[in-house]
Amino acid sequence: MSTIPAITMPGLTETPEAQPARPPRVAKPADKRGWWWGTGRRKTAVARVRMKPATDGKASFNIEAPNGKVKTVEVYFAEERDRNDCMAAFKAANVEGKFEVVAKVHGGGFMGQAGAIRLAIARALRDYDPSTETALRAAGFLTRDSREVERKKYGQAGARRRFQFSKR
């Protein structure tokens, strides 16, 4: 039996581990007032989050609604699911209760706003401490969920639903 020679192509490596890894991310400096910023989007909701390490152990999480009223996360979100969604990035990075957070949200519903806040917090945490990126990415908190509502088409009852067909 003859052996088949291995085909090598220039520029391709045989093992995926041999490819160079992404260079390590460098922590971004805070703005002039000491805040780290993050923007998150989910469906039609947009959240702009600013956070800084808690002073004197006074961690807080406030949400500013479009009408200008500021509420705590417990008051703003009635569902436990939405409150947990907002805090999930802190749990994944293992830094619960160590930050002051102020979030401005608009658009969408409560569930979309909670998802937008989660993405914004994850991005701000990554900028604050790049070593948290692997945990946040493994949990899926740094990936933007791109699912949107499909638009309604003319001549149809909805995005995909047709009007009832009548033969006669």
C-alpha atoms as a PDB file:
ATOM      1  CA  MET A   1       0.000   0.000   0.000  1.00  0.00           C
ATOM      2  CA  SER A   2       1.124   3.455  -0.756  1.00  0.00           C
ATOM      3  CA  THR A   3       0.719   6.256   1.730  1.00  0.00           C
ATOM      4  CA  ILE A   4      -0.951   9.459   0.715  1.00  0.00           C
ATOM      5  CA  PRO A   5       1.263  12.481   1.327  1.00  0.00           C
ATOM      6  CA  ALA A   6      -0.103  15.153   3.627  1.00  0.00           C
ATOM      7  CA  ILE A   7      -1.260  18.228   1.817  1.00  0.00           C
ATOM      8  CA  THR A   8      -0.070  21.453   3.340  1.00  0.00           C
ATOM      9  CA  MET A   9      -1.284  24.857   2.339  1.00  0.00           C
ATOM     10  CA  PRO A  10       0.582  28.013   3.235  1.00  0.00           C
ATOM     11  CA  GLY A  11      -1.148  30.187   5.816  1.00  0.00           C
ATOM     12  CA  LEU A  12      -3.230  27.372   7.343  1.00  0.00           C
ATOM     13  CA  THR A  13      -2.319  25.692  10.582  1.00  0.00           C
ATOM     14  CA  GLU A  14      -3.211  22.121  11.342  1.00  0.00           C
ATOM     15  CA  THR A  15      -4.479  22.693  14.883  1.00  0.00           C
ATOM     16  CA  PRO A  16      -6.883  25.423  15.938  1.00  0.00           C
ATOM     17  CA  GLU A  17      -4.882  25.996  19.149  1.00  0.00           C
ATOM     18  CA  ALA A  18      -1.893  27.161  17.120  1.00  0.00           C
ATOM     19  CA  GLN A  19      -3.719  30.304  15.980  1.00  0.00           C
ATOM     20  CA  PRO A  20      -2.757  33.378  17.984  1.00  0.00           C
ATOM     21  CA  ALA A  21      -5.202  34.320  20.726  1.00  0.00           C
ATOM     22  CA  ARG A  22      -6.755  37.753  20.978  1.00  0.00           C
ATOM     23  CA  PRO A  23      -4.469  40.149  22.875  1.00  0.00           C
ATOM     24  CA  PRO A  24      -5.599  40.747  26.456  1.00  0.00           C
ATOM     25  CA  ARG A  25      -7.959  43.669  26.904  1.00  0.00           C
ATOM     26  CA  VAL A  26      -6.709  46.673  28.843  1.00  0.00           C
ATOM     27  CA  ALA A  27      -8.949  48.273  31.476  1.00  0.00           C
ATOM     28  CA  LYS A  28     -10.483  51.542  30.327  1.00  0.00           C
ATOM     29  CA  PRO A  29     -10.060  54.505  32.638  1.00  0.00           C
ATOM     30  CA  ALA A  30     -13.140  55.949  34.283  1.00  0.00           C
ATOM     31  CA  ASP A  31     -14.517  59.276  33.144  1.00  0.00           C
ATOM     32  CA  LYS A  32     -13.542  62.425  35.038  1.00  0.00           C
ATOM     33  CA  ARG A  33     -16.169  61.763  37.726  1.00  0.00           C
ATOM     34  CA  GLY A  34     -15.169  58.127  38.284  1.00  0.00           C
ATOM     35  CA  TRP A  35     -17.943  56.360  36.333  1.00  0.00           C
ATOM     36  CA  TRP A  36     -17.709  53.475  33.875  1.00  0.00           C
ATOM     37  CA  TRP A  37     -20.338  53.525  31.132  1.00  0.00           C
ATOM     38  CA  GLY A  38     -22.103  50.782  29.203  1.00  0.00           C
ATOM     39  CA  THR A  39     -24.886  50.780  26.624  1.00  0.00           C
ATOM     40  CA  GLY A  40     -27.214  47.849  26.125  1.00  0.00           C
ATOM     41  CA  ARG A  41     -30.034  47.154  23.692  1.00  0.00           C
ATOM     42  CA  ARG A  42     -32.703  44.470  23.602  1.00  0.00           C
ATOM     43  CA  LYS A  43     -35.677  44.450  21.208  1.00  0.00           C
ATOM     44  CA  THR A  44     -36.584  48.165  21.133  1.00  0.00           C
ATOM     45  CA  ALA A  45     -35.317  48.964  24.642  1.00  0.00           C
ATOM     46  CA  VAL A  46     -32.136  50.963  25.204  1.00  0.00           C
ATOM     47  CA  ALA A  47     -30.293  51.227  28.525  1.00  0.00           C
ATOM     48  CA  ARG A  48     -27.416  53.560  29.350  1.00  0.00           C
ATOM     49  CA  VAL A  49     -25.714  52.454  32.553  1.00  0.00           C
ATOM     50  CA  ARG A  50     -23.052  54.182  34.587  1.00  0.00           C
ATOM     51  CA  MET A  51     -21.429  52.523  37.569  1.00  0.00           C
ATOM     52  CA  LYS A  52     -18.608  53.062  39.998  1.00  0.00           C
ATOM     53  CA  PRO A  53     -17.270  51.156  43.007  1.00  0.00           C
ATOM     54  CA  ALA A  54     -19.460  51.688  46.058  1.00  0.00           C
ATOM     55  CA  THR A  55     -18.137  54.181  48.581  1.00  0.00           C
ATOM     56  CA  ASP A  56     -18.319  53.174  52.256  1.00  0.00           C
ATOM     57  CA  GLY A  57     -20.006  49.900  51.280  1.00  0.00           C
ATOM     58  CA  LYS A  58     -23.149  51.707  50.105  1.00  0.00           C
ATOM     59  CA  ALA A  59     -24.085  49.777  46.977  1.00  0.00           C
ATOM     60  CA  SER A  60     -27.158  51.066  45.162  1.00  0.00           C
ATOM     61  CA  PHE A  61     -29.025  50.309  41.953  1.00  0.00           C
ATOM     62  CA  ASN A  62     -31.265  53.107  40.674  1.00  0.00           C
ATOM     63  CA  ILE A  63     -33.202  53.253  37.417  1.00  0.00           C
ATOM     64  CA  GLU A  64     -34.289  56.486  35.787  1.00  0.00           C
ATOM     65  CA  ALA A  65     -37.491  56.065  33.780  1.00  0.00           C
ATOM     66  CA  PRO A  66     -38.286  58.106  30.644  1.00  0.00           C
ATOM     67  CA  ASN A  67     -40.555  60.390  32.717  1.00  0.00           C
ATOM     68  CA  GLY A  68     -37.537  61.413  34.824  1.00  0.00           C
ATOM     69  CA  LYS A  69     -38.498  59.575  38.012  1.00  0.00           C
ATOM     70  CA  VAL A  70     -35.720  57.657  39.746  1.00  0.00           C
ATOM     71  CA  LYS A  71     -36.641  54.353  41.383  1.00  0.00           C
ATOM     72  CA  THR A  72     -34.718  51.471  42.884  1.00  0.00           C
ATOM     73  CA  VAL A  73     -34.530  48.270  40.882  1.00  0.00           C
ATOM     74  CA  GLU A  74     -36.863  46.546  43.383  1.00  0.00           C
ATOM     75  CA  VAL A  75     -39.545  49.195  42.861  1.00  0.00           C
ATOM     76  CA  TYR A  76     -39.108  49.613  39.085  1.00  0.00           C
ATOM     77  CA  PHE A  77     -39.301  45.904  38.178  1.00  0.00           C
ATOM     78  CA  ALA A  78     -42.316  44.120  39.649  1.00  0.00           C
ATOM     79  CA  GLU A  79     -41.209  40.671  38.412  1.00  0.00           C
ATOM     80  CA  GLU A  80     -38.482  38.790  40.259  1.00  0.00           C
ATOM     81  CA  ARG A  81     -37.297  37.479  36.867  1.00  0.00           C
ATOM     82  CA  ASP A  82     -36.494  41.013  35.658  1.00  0.00           C
ATOM     83  CA  ARG A  83     -34.696  41.966  38.877  1.00  0.00           C
ATOM     84  CA  ASN A  84     -32.571  38.803  38.640  1.00  0.00           C
ATOM     85  CA  ASP A  85     -31.836  39.572  34.985  1.00  0.00           C
ATOM     86  CA  CYS A  86     -30.446  42.989  35.956  1.00  0.00           C
ATOM     87  CA  MET A  87     -28.209  41.508  38.672  1.00  0.00           C
ATOM     88  CA  ALA A  88     -27.060  38.469  36.654  1.00  0.00           C
ATOM     89  CA  ALA A  89     -23.877  40.104  35.310  1.00  0.00           C
ATOM     90  CA  PHE A  90     -22.745  40.983  38.848  1.00  0.00           C
ATOM     91  CA  LYS A  91     -23.320  37.388  39.972  1.00  0.00           C
ATOM     92  CA  ALA A  92     -21.372  35.984  37.003  1.00  0.00           C
ATOM     93  CA  ALA A  93     -18.442  38.336  37.702  1.00  0.00           C
ATOM     94  CA  ASN A  94     -18.688  37.628  41.453  1.00  0.00           C
ATOM     95  CA  VAL A  95     -18.918  41.320  42.433  1.00  0.00           C
ATOM     96  CA  GLU A  96     -22.417  41.531  43.922  1.00  0.00           C
ATOM     97  CA  GLY A  97     -23.092  44.556  46.136  1.00  0.00           C
ATOM     98  CA  LYS A  98     -19.850  46.351  45.265  1.00  0.00           C
ATOM     99  CA  PHE A  99     -21.082  49.018  42.827  1.00  0.00           C
ATOM    100  CA  GLU A 100     -23.278  52.078  42.643  1.00  0.00           C
ATOM    101  CA  VAL A 101     -25.353  51.772  39.457  1.00  0.00           C
ATOM    102  CA  VAL A 102     -27.517  54.363  37.715  1.00  0.00           C
ATOM    103  CA  ALA A 103     -29.411  53.190  34.628  1.00  0.00           C
ATOM    104  CA  LYS A 104     -31.432  55.265  32.179  1.00  0.00           C
ATOM    105  CA  VAL A 105     -33.876  53.190  30.155  1.00  0.00           C
ATOM    106  CA  HIS A 106     -36.390  53.924  27.441  1.00  0.00           C
ATOM    107  CA  GLY A 107     -38.352  52.000  24.857  1.00  0.00           C
ATOM    108  CA  GLY A 108     -39.648  48.455  24.879  1.00  0.00           C
ATOM    109  CA  GLY A 109     -41.253  46.722  27.808  1.00  0.00           C
ATOM    110  CA  PHE A 110     -39.981  45.672  31.193  1.00  0.00           C
ATOM    111  CA  MET A 111     -38.457  42.401  29.999  1.00  0.00           C
ATOM    112  CA  GLY A 112     -36.603  44.088  27.135  1.00  0.00           C
ATOM    113  CA  GLN A 113     -35.384  46.831  29.450  1.00  0.00           C
ATOM    114  CA  ALA A 114     -34.060  44.251  31.923  1.00  0.00           C
ATOM    115  CA  GLY A 115     -32.163  42.512  29.122  1.00  0.00           C
ATOM    116  CA  ALA A 116     -30.756  45.837  27.936  1.00  0.00           C
ATOM    117  CA  ILE A 117     -29.594  46.699  31.458  1.00  0.00           C
ATOM    118  CA  ARG A 118     -27.916  43.280  31.767  1.00  0.00           C
ATOM    119  CA  LEU A 119     -25.924  43.842  28.554  1.00  0.00           C
ATOM    120  CA  ALA A 120     -24.985  47.397  29.570  1.00  0.00           C
ATOM    121  CA  ILE A 121     -23.771  46.282  32.998  1.00  0.00           C
ATOM    122  CA  ALA A 122     -21.755  43.445  31.469  1.00  0.00           C
ATOM    123  CA  ARG A 123     -20.064  45.865  29.069  1.00  0.00           C
ATOM    124  CA  ALA A 124     -19.287  48.354  31.854  1.00  0.00           C
ATOM    125  CA  LEU A 125     -17.907  45.554  34.059  1.00  0.00           C
ATOM    126  CA  ARG A 126     -15.697  44.358  31.217  1.00  0.00           C
ATOM    127  CA  ASP A 127     -14.280  47.875  30.804  1.00  0.00           C
ATOM    128  CA  TYR A 128     -13.769  48.213  34.557  1.00  0.00           C
ATOM    129  CA  ASP A 129     -12.041  44.819  34.980  1.00  0.00           C
ATOM    130  CA  PRO A 130     -11.057  42.933  31.791  1.00  0.00           C
ATOM    131  CA  SER A 131     -10.462  39.717  33.766  1.00  0.00           C
ATOM    132  CA  THR A 132     -14.254  39.331  34.104  1.00  0.00           C
ATOM    133  CA  GLU A 133     -14.716  39.064  30.340  1.00  0.00           C
ATOM    134  CA  THR A 134     -14.315  35.277  30.178  1.00  0.00           C
ATOM    135  CA  ALA A 135     -16.965  34.674  32.849  1.00  0.00           C
ATOM    136  CA  LEU A 136     -19.357  37.206  31.321  1.00  0.00           C
ATOM    137  CA  ARG A 137     -18.886  35.850  27.799  1.00  0.00           C
ATOM    138  CA  ALA A 138     -19.303  32.247  28.958  1.00  0.00           C
ATOM    139  CA  ALA A 139     -22.625  33.206  30.545  1.00  0.00           C
ATOM    140  CA  GLY A 140     -23.679  34.922  27.295  1.00  0.00           C
ATOM    141  CA  PHE A 141     -23.982  38.396  28.821  1.00  0.00           C
ATOM    142  CA  LEU A 142     -21.710  40.169  26.308  1.00  0.00           C
ATOM    143  CA  THR A 143     -23.680  39.019  23.250  1.00  0.00           C
ATOM    144  CA  ARG A 144     -26.382  41.331  21.911  1.00  0.00           C
ATOM    145  CA  ASP A 145     -29.635  39.438  21.359  1.00  0.00           C
ATOM    146  CA  SER A 146     -30.525  40.608  17.856  1.00  0.00           C
ATOM    147  CA  ARG A 147     -34.081  39.262  17.728  1.00  0.00           C
ATOM    148  CA  GLU A 148     -36.546  41.990  16.851  1.00  0.00           C
ATOM    149  CA  VAL A 149     -40.257  42.054  16.077  1.00  0.00           C
ATOM    150  CA  GLU A 150     -40.873  41.454  12.396  1.00  0.00           C
ATOM    151  CA  ARG A 151     -42.753  44.267  10.693  1.00  0.00           C
ATOM    152  CA  LYS A 152     -46.306  43.925   9.428  1.00  0.00           C
ATOM    153  CA  LYS A 153     -46.594  43.650   5.642  1.00  0.00           C
ATOM    154  CA  TYR A 154     -49.293  45.298   3.565  1.00  0.00           C
ATOM    155  CA  GLY A 155     -52.004  42.971   2.284  1.00  0.00           C
ATOM    156  CA  GLN A 156     -51.602  40.755   5.355  1.00  0.00           C
ATOM    157  CA  ALA A 157     -53.168  40.630   8.784  1.00  0.00           C
ATOM    158  CA  GLY A 158     -49.800  40.636  10.521  1.00  0.00           C
ATOM    159  CA  ALA A 159     -46.121  39.981   9.899  1.00  0.00           C
ATOM    160  CA  ARG A 160     -46.832  36.498   8.519  1.00  0.00           C
ATOM    161  CA  ARG A 161     -50.529  35.945   9.137  1.00  0.00           C
ATOM    162  CA  ARG A 162     -52.643  36.242   6.005  1.00  0.00           C
ATOM    163  CA  PHE A 163     -56.235  37.360   5.771  1.00  0.00           C
ATOM    164  CA  GLN A 164     -58.739  34.528   5.652  1.00  0.00           C
ATOM    165  CA  PHE A 165     -59.064  33.029   2.183  1.00  0.00           C
ATOM    166  CA  SER A 166     -62.545  32.910   0.678  1.00  0.00           C
ATOM    167  CA  LYS A 167     -63.108  30.756  -2.386  1.00  0.00           C
ATOM    168  CA  ARG A 168     -66.487  32.310  -3.136  1.00  0.00           C
END
